[in-house]
C-alpha atoms as a PDB file:
ATOM      1  CA  UNK A   1       0.000   0.000   0.000  1.00  0.00           C
ATOM      2  CA  UNK A   2       1.357   3.413  -0.906  1.00  0.00           C
ATOM      3  CA  UNK A   3       0.917   6.505   1.222  1.00  0.00           C
ATOM      4  CA  UNK A   4      -1.936   7.679  -1.014  1.00  0.00           C
ATOM      5  CA  UNK A   5      -3.851   4.383  -0.948  1.00  0.00           C
ATOM      6  CA  UNK A   6      -6.967   4.284   1.147  1.00  0.00           C
ATOM      7  CA  UNK A   7      -7.789   1.209   3.210  1.00  0.00           C
ATOM      8  CA  UNK A   8     -10.539   0.453   0.661  1.00  0.00           C
ATOM      9  CA  UNK A   9      -8.076   0.497  -2.263  1.00  0.00           C
ATOM     10  CA  UNK A  10      -5.751  -1.809  -0.312  1.00  0.00           C
ATOM     11  CA  UNK A  11      -8.672  -4.182   0.385  1.00  0.00           C
ATOM     12  CA  UNK A  12      -9.727  -4.236  -3.283  1.00  0.00           C
ATOM     13  CA  UNK A  13      -6.159  -4.887  -4.437  1.00  0.00           C
ATOM     14  CA  UNK A  14      -5.977  -7.743  -1.939  1.00  0.00           C
ATOM     15  CA  UNK A  15      -9.098  -9.282  -3.497  1.00  0.00           C
ATOM     16  CA  UNK A  16      -7.358  -9.314  -6.875  1.00  0.00           C
ATOM     17  CA  UNK A  17      -4.137 -10.807  -5.512  1.00  0.00           C
ATOM     18  CA  UNK A  18      -6.030 -13.471  -3.560  1.00  0.00           C
ATOM     19  CA  UNK A  19      -8.696 -14.515  -6.066  1.00  0.00           C
ATOM     20  CA  UNK A  20      -6.655 -16.147  -8.819  1.00  0.00           C
ATOM     21  CA  UNK A  21      -7.691 -19.332 -10.615  1.00  0.00           C
ATOM     22  CA  UNK A  22      -5.407 -22.249 -11.458  1.00  0.00           C
ATOM     23  CA  UNK A  23      -7.475 -22.737 -14.628  1.00  0.00           C
ATOM     24  CA  UNK A  24     -10.772 -21.505 -16.052  1.00  0.00           C
ATOM     25  CA  UNK A  25     -12.871 -23.014 -18.822  1.00  0.00           C
ATOM     26  CA  UNK A  26     -16.527 -23.109 -19.880  1.00  0.00           C
ATOM     27  CA  UNK A  27     -17.370 -25.682 -17.203  1.00  0.00           C
ATOM     28  CA  UNK A  28     -15.798 -23.471 -14.533  1.00  0.00           C
ATOM     29  CA  UNK A  29     -17.858 -20.537 -15.827  1.00  0.00           C
ATOM     30  CA  UNK A  30     -21.037 -22.579 -15.452  1.00  0.00           C
ATOM     31  CA  UNK A  31     -20.146 -23.752 -11.944  1.00  0.00           C
ATOM     32  CA  UNK A  32     -19.033 -20.306 -10.739  1.00  0.00           C
ATOM     33  CA  UNK A  33     -22.044 -18.552 -12.245  1.00  0.00           C
ATOM     34  CA  UNK A  34     -24.402 -21.138 -10.757  1.00  0.00           C
ATOM     35  CA  UNK A  35     -22.773 -20.747  -7.341  1.00  0.00           C
ATOM     36  CA  UNK A  36     -23.155 -16.944  -7.445  1.00  0.00           C
ATOM     37  CA  UNK A  37     -26.761 -17.299  -8.617  1.00  0.00           C
ATOM     38  CA  UNK A  38     -27.517 -19.718  -5.758  1.00  0.00           C
ATOM     39  CA  UNK A  39     -26.025 -17.274  -3.264  1.00  0.00           C
ATOM     40  CA  UNK A  40     -28.111 -14.445  -4.751  1.00  0.00           C
ATOM     41  CA  UNK A  41     -31.281 -16.542  -4.542  1.00  0.00           C
ATOM     42  CA  UNK A  42     -30.525 -17.508  -0.927  1.00  0.00           C
ATOM     43  CA  UNK A  43     -29.983 -13.837  -0.093  1.00  0.00           C
ATOM     44  CA  UNK A  44     -33.174 -12.751  -1.852  1.00  0.00           C
ATOM     45  CA  UNK A  45     -31.229 -10.589  -4.316  1.00  0.00           C
ATOM     46  CA  UNK A  46     -32.704  -9.711  -7.685  1.00  0.00           C
ATOM     47  CA  UNK A  47     -29.616  -9.538  -9.873  1.00  0.00           C
ATOM     48  CA  UNK A  48     -28.341 -10.399 -13.299  1.00  0.00           C
ATOM     49  CA  UNK A  49     -25.102 -12.412 -13.406  1.00  0.00           C
ATOM     50  CA  UNK A  50     -22.839 -12.641 -16.420  1.00  0.00           C
ATOM     51  CA  UNK A  51     -19.489 -14.283 -17.167  1.00  0.00           C
ATOM     52  CA  UNK A  52     -17.886 -13.427 -20.493  1.00  0.00           C
ATOM     53  CA  UNK A  53     -14.739 -13.552 -22.542  1.00  0.00           C
ATOM     54  CA  UNK A  54     -14.912 -10.295 -24.456  1.00  0.00           C
ATOM     55  CA  UNK A  55     -18.045 -10.739 -26.608  1.00  0.00           C
ATOM     56  CA  UNK A  56     -18.639 -14.428 -25.827  1.00  0.00           C
ATOM     57  CA  UNK A  57     -21.097 -14.993 -22.990  1.00  0.00           C
ATOM     58  CA  UNK A  58     -20.107 -18.088 -21.001  1.00  0.00           C
ATOM     59  CA  UNK A  59     -22.826 -17.807 -18.330  1.00  0.00           C
ATOM     60  CA  UNK A  60     -25.940 -15.681 -17.909  1.00  0.00           C
ATOM     61  CA  UNK A  61     -28.630 -15.716 -15.266  1.00  0.00           C
ATOM     62  CA  UNK A  62     -31.279 -13.084 -14.638  1.00  0.00           C
ATOM     63  CA  UNK A  63     -33.180 -13.504 -11.399  1.00  0.00           C
ATOM     64  CA  UNK A  64     -36.515 -11.778 -10.763  1.00  0.00           C
ATOM     65  CA  UNK A  65     -36.089  -8.074 -10.071  1.00  0.00           C
ATOM     66  CA  UNK A  66     -33.566  -6.571 -12.492  1.00  0.00           C
ATOM     67  CA  UNK A  67     -34.684  -4.231 -15.231  1.00  0.00           C
ATOM     68  CA  UNK A  68     -33.576  -4.071 -18.855  1.00  0.00           C
ATOM     69  CA  UNK A  69     -30.992  -1.495 -17.700  1.00  0.00           C
ATOM     70  CA  UNK A  70     -28.948  -4.277 -16.128  1.00  0.00           C
ATOM     71  CA  UNK A  71     -28.000  -5.506 -19.610  1.00  0.00           C
ATOM     72  CA  UNK A  72     -26.297  -2.182 -20.314  1.00  0.00           C
ATOM     73  CA  UNK A  73     -24.654  -2.048 -16.892  1.00  0.00           C
ATOM     74  CA  UNK A  74     -23.248  -5.566 -17.387  1.00  0.00           C
ATOM     75  CA  UNK A  75     -21.953  -4.776 -20.859  1.00  0.00           C
ATOM     76  CA  UNK A  76     -20.252  -1.557 -19.708  1.00  0.00           C
ATOM     77  CA  UNK A  77     -18.881  -3.008 -16.438  1.00  0.00           C
ATOM     78  CA  UNK A  78     -17.396  -6.067 -18.132  1.00  0.00           C
ATOM     79  CA  UNK A  79     -15.907  -3.894 -20.915  1.00  0.00           C
ATOM     80  CA  UNK A  80     -14.075  -1.891 -18.236  1.00  0.00           C
ATOM     81  CA  UNK A  81     -12.698  -5.032 -16.564  1.00  0.00           C
ATOM     82  CA  UNK A  82     -11.584  -6.577 -19.839  1.00  0.00           C
ATOM     83  CA  UNK A  83      -9.875  -3.330 -20.900  1.00  0.00           C
ATOM     84  CA  UNK A  84      -8.072  -2.546 -17.624  1.00  0.00           C
ATOM     85  CA  UNK A  85      -7.835  -6.071 -16.144  1.00  0.00           C
ATOM     86  CA  UNK A  86      -8.939  -4.836 -12.731  1.00  0.00           C
ATOM     87  CA  UNK A  87     -12.283  -4.859 -10.958  1.00  0.00           C
ATOM     88  CA  UNK A  88     -14.618  -1.965 -11.561  1.00  0.00           C
ATOM     89  CA  UNK A  89     -14.707  -1.329  -7.807  1.00  0.00           C
ATOM     90  CA  UNK A  90     -10.916  -0.937  -7.729  1.00  0.00           C
ATOM     91  CA  UNK A  91     -10.915   1.221 -10.860  1.00  0.00           C
ATOM     92  CA  UNK A  92     -13.598   3.487  -9.372  1.00  0.00           C
ATOM     93  CA  UNK A  93     -11.650   3.935  -6.135  1.00  0.00           C
ATOM     94  CA  UNK A  94      -8.319   4.536  -7.884  1.00  0.00           C
ATOM     95  CA  UNK A  95      -9.732   7.112 -10.282  1.00  0.00           C
ATOM     96  CA  UNK A  96     -11.683   8.820  -7.478  1.00  0.00           C
ATOM     97  CA  UNK A  97      -8.499   9.060  -5.393  1.00  0.00           C
ATOM     98  CA  UNK A  98      -6.868  10.859  -8.327  1.00  0.00           C
ATOM     99  CA  UNK A  99      -9.896  13.113  -8.775  1.00  0.00           C
ATOM    100  CA  UNK A 100     -10.247  11.920 -12.354  1.00  0.00           C
ATOM    101  CA  UNK A 101     -13.278  10.574 -14.208  1.00  0.00           C
ATOM    102  CA  UNK A 102     -12.083   8.781 -17.360  1.00  0.00           C
ATOM    103  CA  UNK A 103     -15.594   8.833 -18.843  1.00  0.00           C
ATOM    104  CA  UNK A 104     -15.395  12.624 -19.087  1.00  0.00           C
ATOM    105  CA  UNK A 105     -13.230  14.453 -21.591  1.00  0.00           C
ATOM    106  CA  UNK A 106     -13.259  11.816 -24.319  1.00  0.00           C
ATOM    107  CA  UNK A 107     -10.931   9.119 -22.925  1.00  0.00           C
ATOM    108  CA  UNK A 108     -13.537   6.422 -22.221  1.00  0.00           C
ATOM    109  CA  UNK A 109     -16.920   6.654 -23.925  1.00  0.00           C
ATOM    110  CA  UNK A 110     -19.538   6.583 -21.137  1.00  0.00           C
ATOM    111  CA  UNK A 111     -21.886   4.617 -23.396  1.00  0.00           C
ATOM    112  CA  UNK A 112     -19.288   1.821 -23.568  1.00  0.00           C
ATOM    113  CA  UNK A 113     -17.600   1.822 -20.131  1.00  0.00           C
ATOM    114  CA  UNK A 114     -18.523   2.385 -16.502  1.00  0.00           C
ATOM    115  CA  UNK A 115     -16.681   2.218 -13.210  1.00  0.00           C
ATOM    116  CA  UNK A 116     -19.667   1.042 -11.177  1.00  0.00           C
ATOM    117  CA  UNK A 117     -18.623  -1.844  -8.935  1.00  0.00           C
ATOM    118  CA  UNK A 118     -19.741  -5.381  -9.594  1.00  0.00           C
ATOM    119  CA  UNK A 119     -17.433  -6.713 -12.292  1.00  0.00           C
ATOM    120  CA  UNK A 120     -14.298  -8.670 -11.443  1.00  0.00           C
ATOM    121  CA  UNK A 121     -11.518 -10.167 -13.562  1.00  0.00           C
ATOM    122  CA  UNK A 122     -11.124 -13.919 -13.869  1.00  0.00           C
ATOM    123  CA  UNK A 123      -7.347 -14.135 -13.607  1.00  0.00           C
ATOM    124  CA  UNK A 124      -5.583 -17.442 -14.287  1.00  0.00           C
ATOM    125  CA  UNK A 125      -2.167 -17.961 -12.713  1.00  0.00           C
ATOM    126  CA  UNK A 126       0.517 -17.799 -15.406  1.00  0.00           C
ATOM    127  CA  UNK A 127      -1.944 -16.619 -18.064  1.00  0.00           C
ATOM    128  CA  UNK A 128      -3.605 -13.393 -16.923  1.00  0.00           C
ATOM    129  CA  UNK A 129      -7.168 -12.178 -17.271  1.00  0.00           C
ATOM    130  CA  UNK A 130      -9.317 -14.520 -19.360  1.00  0.00           C
ATOM    131  CA  UNK A 131     -12.846 -13.336 -18.536  1.00  0.00           C
ATOM    132  CA  UNK A 132     -14.977 -11.021 -16.423  1.00  0.00           C
ATOM    133  CA  UNK A 133     -17.693 -12.014 -13.966  1.00  0.00           C
ATOM    134  CA  UNK A 134     -20.324  -9.364 -13.375  1.00  0.00           C
ATOM    135  CA  UNK A 135     -23.347  -8.843 -11.145  1.00  0.00           C
ATOM    136  CA  UNK A 136     -25.822  -6.022 -11.597  1.00  0.00           C
ATOM    137  CA  UNK A 137     -28.974  -5.110  -9.726  1.00  0.00           C
ATOM    138  CA  UNK A 138     -27.744  -4.208  -6.237  1.00  0.00           C
ATOM    139  CA  UNK A 139     -25.582  -1.291  -5.106  1.00  0.00           C
ATOM    140  CA  UNK A 140     -22.097  -1.161  -6.612  1.00  0.00           C
ATOM    141  CA  UNK A 141     -20.562  -2.353  -3.338  1.00  0.00           C
ATOM    142  CA  UNK A 142     -23.096  -5.166  -2.927  1.00  0.00           C
ATOM    143  CA  UNK A 143     -22.678  -6.307  -6.543  1.00  0.00           C
ATOM    144  CA  UNK A 144     -18.900  -6.394  -5.979  1.00  0.00           C
ATOM    145  CA  UNK A 145     -19.216  -8.297  -2.702  1.00  0.00           C
ATOM    146  CA  UNK A 146     -21.593 -10.871  -4.200  1.00  0.00           C
ATOM    147  CA  UNK A 147     -19.055 -11.630  -6.947  1.00  0.00           C
ATOM    148  CA  UNK A 148     -16.028 -11.647  -4.620  1.00  0.00           C
ATOM    149  CA  UNK A 149     -17.737 -13.911  -2.086  1.00  0.00           C
ATOM    150  CA  UNK A 150     -18.781 -16.263  -4.885  1.00  0.00           C
ATOM    151  CA  UNK A 151     -15.272 -16.468  -6.317  1.00  0.00           C
ATOM    152  CA  UNK A 152     -13.754 -16.957  -2.851  1.00  0.00           C
ATOM    153  CA  UNK A 153     -16.164 -19.811  -2.091  1.00  0.00           C
ATOM    154  CA  UNK A 154     -15.566 -21.404  -5.505  1.00  0.00           C
ATOM    155  CA  UNK A 155     -11.778 -21.273  -5.167  1.00  0.00           C
ATOM    156  CA  UNK A 156     -11.892 -22.664  -1.608  1.00  0.00           C
ATOM    157  CA  UNK A 157     -13.996 -25.619  -2.791  1.00  0.00           C
ATOM    158  CA  UNK A 158     -11.692 -26.204  -5.774  1.00  0.00           C
ATOM    159  CA  UNK A 159      -8.686 -26.305  -3.415  1.00  0.00           C
ATOM    160  CA  UNK A 160     -10.209 -29.166  -1.380  1.00  0.00           C
END
């Protein structure tokens, strides 16, 4: 952590260092997405869940509650993760700490990217980022936490 990092930025960076996959394929996408969906159902959360490799959707689930807007949020959140290879929650915190909004001034088109939390990189050890997993329908922080908790649970079970 640098002197300018907030505790939240340090926590979000820790998530990304900790939550790394040994491998990730279409079957893993199905299992991870299903696990996150089950957690959302158990928590009574109306969310949409998406796992994609760029434009290829590997998993999609829309539970009761989300609106058609969630499709756009998912597309823009996952585009941000796949471009920067960091979670949207971390990107939002880092840019806010710098007092800079990359969707203003022509750098990132706001119709294509967003920094709202809830999308997280699927990083494979020795390979890098291969996909993004996204939740949309709750607050940015809650979307992020749903995804992080799902990945953490999935990786713990895979380690057994």
